[in-house]
Amino acid sequence: MTPTKPDKPKPLRERDQIWQPQVTRLSSIAEIRMGVTLRGRDATRPVPSGSYRLVRIGDISQDGTLVNEEFVCIEPRQSVSEELILRSGDVLFPNRGTRTTALAYRLDQGRTIAGAQFFVLRPETTRVLPEYLAWFLRTEEAANYFAGKRKGTYVQIIERKDLADLAMPLPPLAVQKKIVAAAALAAEERNLSEQLARMKWSLTNGQLLQAAGSSGGDKAISI
């Protein structure tokens, strides 16, 4: 009896293909630089006519947005390399303190720099979206990793090699884009919920104060 040949497997259609998760070291997808070292006691003193704008740690919120876009102007005493001037798509990651956040810089404000309190990451955009990289750096997984790597007692710091060694999932760019969009919607929903809670508290507090000043306060309060 002649053995039958097995059927050739049919090629998977694109929608049937299963994406196999890829994990990579951060240093393989982004160039890591230290921010500008500004020397001198008054190096970061605001100078209204200064030729550089300086991004400070306090300018970035926990959810990776800018608290304000009006950066302080300064006039460094030393020359600043063109490579250290921020470009659209750079990712700013604070290297001091216990707060884990990151920002994908998307402004076009001319000569803007970040101080040495930041690592400036320049992603390889054919492989990773800046917003995706910033998002992952803000995740609980990344925060737990950095919590075990911080050094120092009075001021805790993260060393460059520890940032470079961070392992992160690297899905296709299309998937990264969806993750970034979903994360942005979740952050917006959280912010709206927090605003609503504050408004409710303000309203309730006002009603309680009104009840406290009325003769029938006990009847005005319903618990």
C-alpha atoms as a PDB file:
ATOM      1  CA  MET A   1       0.000   0.000   0.000  1.00  0.00           C
ATOM      2  CA  THR A   2       1.464   3.295  -1.075  1.00  0.00           C
ATOM      3  CA  PRO A   3       1.723   5.711   1.859  1.00  0.00           C
ATOM      4  CA  THR A   4      -0.175   8.907   1.340  1.00  0.00           C
ATOM      5  CA  LYS A   5       1.702  12.148   1.503  1.00  0.00           C
ATOM      6  CA  PRO A   6       0.602  14.531   4.257  1.00  0.00           C
ATOM      7  CA  ASP A   7      -1.244  17.575   3.092  1.00  0.00           C
ATOM      8  CA  LYS A   8       0.851  20.707   2.904  1.00  0.00           C
ATOM      9  CA  PRO A   9      -0.100  23.171   5.625  1.00  0.00           C
ATOM     10  CA  LYS A  10      -2.103  26.083   4.299  1.00  0.00           C
ATOM     11  CA  PRO A  11      -0.454  29.473   4.757  1.00  0.00           C
ATOM     12  CA  LEU A  12      -1.984  31.477   7.559  1.00  0.00           C
ATOM     13  CA  ARG A  13      -3.970  34.503   6.600  1.00  0.00           C
ATOM     14  CA  GLU A  14      -2.720  37.701   8.202  1.00  0.00           C
ATOM     15  CA  ARG A  15      -5.616  37.840  10.669  1.00  0.00           C
ATOM     16  CA  ASP A  16      -4.974  34.202  11.694  1.00  0.00           C
ATOM     17  CA  GLN A  17      -1.299  34.706  12.428  1.00  0.00           C
ATOM     18  CA  ILE A  18      -0.384  34.732  16.089  1.00  0.00           C
ATOM     19  CA  TRP A  19       2.036  37.403  17.230  1.00  0.00           C
ATOM     20  CA  GLN A  20       4.818  35.954  19.308  1.00  0.00           C
ATOM     21  CA  PRO A  21       5.806  38.418  22.044  1.00  0.00           C
ATOM     22  CA  GLN A  22       9.345  39.737  21.782  1.00  0.00           C
ATOM     23  CA  VAL A  23      11.292  41.006  24.774  1.00  0.00           C
ATOM     24  CA  THR A  24      14.276  43.293  24.277  1.00  0.00           C
ATOM     25  CA  ARG A  25      16.696  45.373  26.322  1.00  0.00           C
ATOM     26  CA  LEU A  26      15.981  49.070  26.254  1.00  0.00           C
ATOM     27  CA  SER A  27      19.498  49.895  25.083  1.00  0.00           C
ATOM     28  CA  SER A  28      18.898  47.921  21.866  1.00  0.00           C
ATOM     29  CA  ILE A  29      16.035  50.197  20.769  1.00  0.00           C
ATOM     30  CA  ALA A  30      17.026  53.605  22.124  1.00  0.00           C
ATOM     31  CA  GLU A  31      20.116  55.748  22.544  1.00  0.00           C
ATOM     32  CA  ILE A  32      20.527  56.835  26.164  1.00  0.00           C
ATOM     33  CA  ARG A  33      22.101  60.169  27.079  1.00  0.00           C
ATOM     34  CA  MET A  34      22.455  62.111  30.282  1.00  0.00           C
ATOM     35  CA  GLY A  35      20.836  65.542  30.277  1.00  0.00           C
ATOM     36  CA  VAL A  36      22.924  68.708  30.253  1.00  0.00           C
ATOM     37  CA  THR A  37      25.196  69.233  33.269  1.00  0.00           C
ATOM     38  CA  LEU A  38      24.757  72.867  34.243  1.00  0.00           C
ATOM     39  CA  ARG A  39      27.675  74.076  36.351  1.00  0.00           C
ATOM     40  CA  GLY A  40      27.609  76.953  38.792  1.00  0.00           C
ATOM     41  CA  ARG A  41      25.397  77.998  41.687  1.00  0.00           C
ATOM     42  CA  ASP A  42      23.163  80.125  39.476  1.00  0.00           C
ATOM     43  CA  ALA A  43      23.209  77.801  36.470  1.00  0.00           C
ATOM     44  CA  THR A  44      19.459  77.208  36.562  1.00  0.00           C
ATOM     45  CA  ARG A  45      18.516  80.719  37.662  1.00  0.00           C
ATOM     46  CA  PRO A  46      15.707  82.036  35.444  1.00  0.00           C
ATOM     47  CA  VAL A  47      16.860  84.608  32.898  1.00  0.00           C
ATOM     48  CA  PRO A  48      13.901  86.088  30.981  1.00  0.00           C
ATOM     49  CA  SER A  49      16.077  86.735  27.946  1.00  0.00           C
ATOM     50  CA  GLY A  50      17.932  83.404  28.220  1.00  0.00           C
ATOM     51  CA  SER A  51      18.686  81.570  24.991  1.00  0.00           C
ATOM     52  CA  TYR A  52      17.705  78.109  26.300  1.00  0.00           C
ATOM     53  CA  ARG A  53      14.542  76.671  27.826  1.00  0.00           C
ATOM     54  CA  LEU A  54      15.006  74.158  30.632  1.00  0.00           C
ATOM     55  CA  VAL A  55      12.718  71.205  31.377  1.00  0.00           C
ATOM     56  CA  ARG A  56      12.683  70.427  35.107  1.00  0.00           C
ATOM     57  CA  ILE A  57      11.435  67.308  36.896  1.00  0.00           C
ATOM     58  CA  GLY A  58       8.523  69.258  38.326  1.00  0.00           C
ATOM     59  CA  ASP A  59       7.352  70.061  34.796  1.00  0.00           C
ATOM     60  CA  ILE A  60       6.349  66.418  34.229  1.00  0.00           C
ATOM     61  CA  SER A  61       3.326  64.845  35.906  1.00  0.00           C
ATOM     62  CA  GLN A  62       3.067  61.283  37.176  1.00  0.00           C
ATOM     63  CA  ASP A  63       1.034  60.249  34.131  1.00  0.00           C
ATOM     64  CA  GLY A  64       3.661  61.541  31.703  1.00  0.00           C
ATOM     65  CA  THR A  65       2.123  64.844  30.670  1.00  0.00           C
ATOM     66  CA  LEU A  66       3.476  68.358  30.954  1.00  0.00           C
ATOM     67  CA  VAL A  67       2.302  70.347  33.954  1.00  0.00           C
ATOM     68  CA  ASN A  68       2.960  73.446  31.861  1.00  0.00           C
ATOM     69  CA  GLU A  69       4.677  74.221  28.576  1.00  0.00           C
ATOM     70  CA  GLU A  70       6.171  77.527  29.705  1.00  0.00           C
ATOM     71  CA  PHE A  71       9.632  76.291  30.587  1.00  0.00           C
ATOM     72  CA  VAL A  72      12.014  78.534  32.483  1.00  0.00           C
ATOM     73  CA  CYS A  73      14.587  80.350  30.328  1.00  0.00           C
ATOM     74  CA  ILE A  74      18.244  80.154  31.341  1.00  0.00           C
ATOM     75  CA  GLU A  75      21.649  81.203  30.026  1.00  0.00           C
ATOM     76  CA  PRO A  76      24.217  78.392  30.512  1.00  0.00           C
ATOM     77  CA  ARG A  77      27.780  79.454  31.215  1.00  0.00           C
ATOM     78  CA  GLN A  78      29.173  76.681  29.052  1.00  0.00           C
ATOM     79  CA  SER A  79      28.421  75.762  25.447  1.00  0.00           C
ATOM     80  CA  VAL A  80      25.706  73.157  24.882  1.00  0.00           C
ATOM     81  CA  SER A  81      26.173  70.454  22.250  1.00  0.00           C
ATOM     82  CA  GLU A  82      23.544  70.380  19.521  1.00  0.00           C
ATOM     83  CA  GLU A  83      23.036  66.694  20.301  1.00  0.00           C
ATOM     84  CA  LEU A  84      21.760  67.638  23.750  1.00  0.00           C
ATOM     85  CA  ILE A  85      19.023  69.932  22.445  1.00  0.00           C
ATOM     86  CA  LEU A  86      15.709  68.113  22.680  1.00  0.00           C
ATOM     87  CA  ARG A  87      14.081  66.788  19.531  1.00  0.00           C
ATOM     88  CA  SER A  88      10.477  65.785  18.953  1.00  0.00           C
ATOM     89  CA  GLY A  89      10.264  62.101  19.896  1.00  0.00           C
ATOM     90  CA  ASP A  90      12.887  62.172  22.652  1.00  0.00           C
ATOM     91  CA  VAL A  91      11.757  60.464  25.861  1.00  0.00           C
ATOM     92  CA  LEU A  92      12.593  62.130  29.185  1.00  0.00           C
ATOM     93  CA  PHE A  93      13.091  59.876  32.208  1.00  0.00           C
ATOM     94  CA  PRO A  94      14.010  61.330  35.642  1.00  0.00           C
ATOM     95  CA  ASN A  95      17.018  59.569  37.164  1.00  0.00           C
ATOM     96  CA  ARG A  96      16.650  60.971  40.701  1.00  0.00           C
ATOM     97  CA  GLY A  97      14.047  60.491  43.400  1.00  0.00           C
ATOM     98  CA  THR A  98      11.534  57.725  43.915  1.00  0.00           C
ATOM     99  CA  ARG A  99       8.961  58.830  41.351  1.00  0.00           C
ATOM    100  CA  THR A 100       8.819  56.754  38.169  1.00  0.00           C
ATOM    101  CA  THR A 101       7.495  58.714  35.206  1.00  0.00           C
ATOM    102  CA  ALA A 102       8.445  59.446  31.618  1.00  0.00           C
ATOM    103  CA  LEU A 103       7.438  61.868  28.893  1.00  0.00           C
ATOM    104  CA  ALA A 104       7.497  61.609  25.118  1.00  0.00           C
ATOM    105  CA  TYR A 105       8.601  65.123  24.176  1.00  0.00           C
ATOM    106  CA  ARG A 106       6.597  66.468  21.246  1.00  0.00           C
ATOM    107  CA  LEU A 107       7.082  70.232  21.414  1.00  0.00           C
ATOM    108  CA  ASP A 108       8.861  72.444  18.929  1.00  0.00           C
ATOM    109  CA  GLN A 109      10.190  75.272  21.069  1.00  0.00           C
ATOM    110  CA  GLY A 110      13.630  75.771  19.642  1.00  0.00           C
ATOM    111  CA  ARG A 111      16.580  75.437  21.989  1.00  0.00           C
ATOM    112  CA  THR A 112      15.104  73.366  24.827  1.00  0.00           C
ATOM    113  CA  ILE A 113      17.235  71.165  27.060  1.00  0.00           C
ATOM    114  CA  ALA A 114      16.790  68.809  29.992  1.00  0.00           C
ATOM    115  CA  GLY A 115      19.123  68.943  32.980  1.00  0.00           C
ATOM    116  CA  ALA A 116      21.301  66.140  34.338  1.00  0.00           C
ATOM    117  CA  GLN A 117      18.365  65.007  36.512  1.00  0.00           C
ATOM    118  CA  PHE A 118      17.058  63.330  33.349  1.00  0.00           C
ATOM    119  CA  PHE A 119      18.094  60.570  31.032  1.00  0.00           C
ATOM    120  CA  VAL A 120      17.216  61.535  27.467  1.00  0.00           C
ATOM    121  CA  LEU A 121      16.265  58.528  25.361  1.00  0.00           C
ATOM    122  CA  ARG A 122      16.277  58.791  21.566  1.00  0.00           C
ATOM    123  CA  PRO A 123      14.258  55.807  20.295  1.00  0.00           C
ATOM    124  CA  GLU A 124      14.829  53.908  17.079  1.00  0.00           C
ATOM    125  CA  THR A 125      11.420  54.845  15.697  1.00  0.00           C
ATOM    126  CA  THR A 126      11.351  52.075  13.095  1.00  0.00           C
ATOM    127  CA  ARG A 127      11.047  49.675  16.039  1.00  0.00           C
ATOM    128  CA  VAL A 128       9.461  51.549  18.930  1.00  0.00           C
ATOM    129  CA  LEU A 129       7.109  54.505  19.266  1.00  0.00           C
ATOM    130  CA  PRO A 130       8.312  57.197  21.704  1.00  0.00           C
ATOM    131  CA  GLU A 131       4.879  57.231  23.371  1.00  0.00           C
ATOM    132  CA  TYR A 132       4.975  53.455  23.820  1.00  0.00           C
ATOM    133  CA  LEU A 133       8.437  53.612  25.376  1.00  0.00           C
ATOM    134  CA  ALA A 134       7.316  56.387  27.737  1.00  0.00           C
ATOM    135  CA  TRP A 135       4.185  54.409  28.615  1.00  0.00           C
ATOM    136  CA  PHE A 136       6.130  51.282  29.508  1.00  0.00           C
ATOM    137  CA  LEU A 137       8.559  53.270  31.660  1.00  0.00           C
ATOM    138  CA  ARG A 138       5.546  54.432  33.694  1.00  0.00           C
ATOM    139  CA  THR A 139       4.089  50.955  34.216  1.00  0.00           C
ATOM    140  CA  GLU A 140       4.050  49.130  37.538  1.00  0.00           C
ATOM    141  CA  GLU A 141       6.397  46.505  36.090  1.00  0.00           C
ATOM    142  CA  ALA A 142       9.028  49.146  35.308  1.00  0.00           C
ATOM    143  CA  ALA A 143       8.465  50.863  38.674  1.00  0.00           C
ATOM    144  CA  ASN A 144       9.092  47.583  40.517  1.00  0.00           C
ATOM    145  CA  TYR A 145      12.262  47.018  38.505  1.00  0.00           C
ATOM    146  CA  PHE A 146      13.631  50.487  39.276  1.00  0.00           C
ATOM    147  CA  ALA A 147      12.651  50.212  42.961  1.00  0.00           C
ATOM    148  CA  GLY A 148      15.169  47.396  43.268  1.00  0.00           C
ATOM    149  CA  LYS A 149      17.876  49.284  41.363  1.00  0.00           C
ATOM    150  CA  ARG A 150      17.845  52.732  42.994  1.00  0.00           C
ATOM    151  CA  LYS A 151      20.940  53.629  44.976  1.00  0.00           C
ATOM    152  CA  GLY A 152      21.612  56.273  47.597  1.00  0.00           C
ATOM    153  CA  THR A 153      20.132  57.276  50.921  1.00  0.00           C
ATOM    154  CA  TYR A 154      19.424  61.012  50.928  1.00  0.00           C
ATOM    155  CA  VAL A 155      18.867  61.204  47.159  1.00  0.00           C
ATOM    156  CA  GLN A 156      18.134  57.991  45.317  1.00  0.00           C
ATOM    157  CA  ILE A 157      19.396  57.661  41.764  1.00  0.00           C
ATOM    158  CA  ILE A 158      19.062  55.243  38.870  1.00  0.00           C
ATOM    159  CA  GLU A 159      22.267  54.404  37.040  1.00  0.00           C
ATOM    160  CA  ARG A 160      22.449  54.410  33.274  1.00  0.00           C
ATOM    161  CA  LYS A 161      23.381  50.730  33.037  1.00  0.00           C
ATOM    162  CA  ASP A 162      20.268  49.734  35.005  1.00  0.00           C
ATOM    163  CA  LEU A 163      18.062  51.729  32.654  1.00  0.00           C
ATOM    164  CA  ALA A 164      19.855  50.167  29.673  1.00  0.00           C
ATOM    165  CA  ASP A 165      19.251  46.649  31.040  1.00  0.00           C
ATOM    166  CA  LEU A 166      15.494  47.100  31.447  1.00  0.00           C
ATOM    167  CA  ALA A 167      13.712  44.293  29.592  1.00  0.00           C
ATOM    168  CA  MET A 168      10.534  45.332  27.851  1.00  0.00           C
ATOM    169  CA  PRO A 169       8.011  43.731  25.504  1.00  0.00           C
ATOM    170  CA  LEU A 170       8.232  44.962  21.929  1.00  0.00           C
ATOM    171  CA  PRO A 171       5.066  44.281  19.930  1.00  0.00           C
ATOM    172  CA  PRO A 172       4.639  45.459  16.326  1.00  0.00           C
ATOM    173  CA  LEU A 173       4.249  49.205  15.815  1.00  0.00           C
ATOM    174  CA  ALA A 174       0.542  48.808  15.057  1.00  0.00           C
ATOM    175  CA  VAL A 175      -0.003  47.122  18.417  1.00  0.00           C
ATOM    176  CA  GLN A 176       2.121  49.750  20.177  1.00  0.00           C
ATOM    177  CA  LYS A 177      -0.091  52.459  18.672  1.00  0.00           C
ATOM    178  CA  LYS A 178      -3.240  50.781  20.023  1.00  0.00           C
ATOM    179  CA  ILE A 179      -1.702  50.386  23.482  1.00  0.00           C
ATOM    180  CA  VAL A 180      -0.764  54.075  23.566  1.00  0.00           C
ATOM    181  CA  ALA A 181      -4.277  55.110  22.498  1.00  0.00           C
ATOM    182  CA  ALA A 182      -5.914  52.864  25.109  1.00  0.00           C
ATOM    183  CA  ALA A 183      -3.594  54.149  27.841  1.00  0.00           C
ATOM    184  CA  ALA A 184      -4.397  57.758  26.919  1.00  0.00           C
ATOM    185  CA  LEU A 185      -8.135  57.073  27.163  1.00  0.00           C
ATOM    186  CA  ALA A 186      -7.682  55.361  30.531  1.00  0.00           C
ATOM    187  CA  ALA A 187      -5.684  58.322  31.846  1.00  0.00           C
ATOM    188  CA  GLU A 188      -8.345  60.748  30.613  1.00  0.00           C
ATOM    189  CA  GLU A 189     -11.071  58.691  32.299  1.00  0.00           C
ATOM    190  CA  ARG A 190      -9.122  58.668  35.571  1.00  0.00           C
ATOM    191  CA  ASN A 191      -8.592  62.430  35.435  1.00  0.00           C
ATOM    192  CA  LEU A 192     -12.299  63.029  34.790  1.00  0.00           C
ATOM    193  CA  SER A 193     -13.222  60.739  37.683  1.00  0.00           C
ATOM    194  CA  GLU A 194     -10.857  62.625  39.980  1.00  0.00           C
ATOM    195  CA  GLN A 195     -12.324  65.971  38.884  1.00  0.00           C
ATOM    196  CA  LEU A 196     -15.838  64.664  39.512  1.00  0.00           C
ATOM    197  CA  ALA A 197     -14.848  63.429  42.980  1.00  0.00           C
ATOM    198  CA  ARG A 198     -13.397  66.851  43.834  1.00  0.00           C
ATOM    199  CA  MET A 199     -16.534  68.598  42.612  1.00  0.00           C
ATOM    200  CA  LYS A 200     -18.746  66.261  44.670  1.00  0.00           C
ATOM    201  CA  TRP A 201     -16.618  66.877  47.752  1.00  0.00           C
ATOM    202  CA  SER A 202     -16.772  70.639  47.240  1.00  0.00           C
ATOM    203  CA  LEU A 203     -20.551  70.504  46.822  1.00  0.00           C
ATOM    204  CA  THR A 204     -21.015  68.263  49.862  1.00  0.00           C
ATOM    205  CA  ASN A 205     -18.712  70.419  51.974  1.00  0.00           C
ATOM    206  CA  GLY A 206     -20.678  73.518  50.984  1.00  0.00           C
ATOM    207  CA  GLN A 207     -23.951  71.857  51.946  1.00  0.00           C
ATOM    208  CA  LEU A 208     -22.513  70.809  55.306  1.00  0.00           C
ATOM    209  CA  LEU A 209     -21.287  74.340  56.001  1.00  0.00           C
ATOM    210  CA  GLN A 210     -24.697  75.656  55.089  1.00  0.00           C
ATOM    211  CA  ALA A 211     -26.322  73.128  57.443  1.00  0.00           C
ATOM    212  CA  ALA A 212     -23.884  74.053  60.217  1.00  0.00           C
ATOM    213  CA  GLY A 213     -25.020  77.678  60.037  1.00  0.00           C
ATOM    214  CA  SER A 214     -28.738  76.998  59.951  1.00  0.00           C
ATOM    215  CA  SER A 215     -31.059  76.529  62.913  1.00  0.00           C
ATOM    216  CA  GLY A 216     -32.444  73.330  61.475  1.00  0.00           C
ATOM    217  CA  GLY A 217     -29.099  71.819  60.610  1.00  0.00           C
ATOM    218  CA  ASP A 218     -29.968  68.398  61.995  1.00  0.00           C
ATOM    219  CA  LYS A 219     -32.872  68.154  59.540  1.00  0.00           C
ATOM    220  CA  ALA A 220     -30.780  69.362  56.596  1.00  0.00           C
ATOM    221  CA  ILE A 221     -28.277  66.506  56.942  1.00  0.00           C
ATOM    222  CA  SER A 222     -29.364  63.122  55.658  1.00  0.00           C
ATOM    223  CA  ILE A 223     -27.044  60.160  56.323  1.00  0.00           C
END
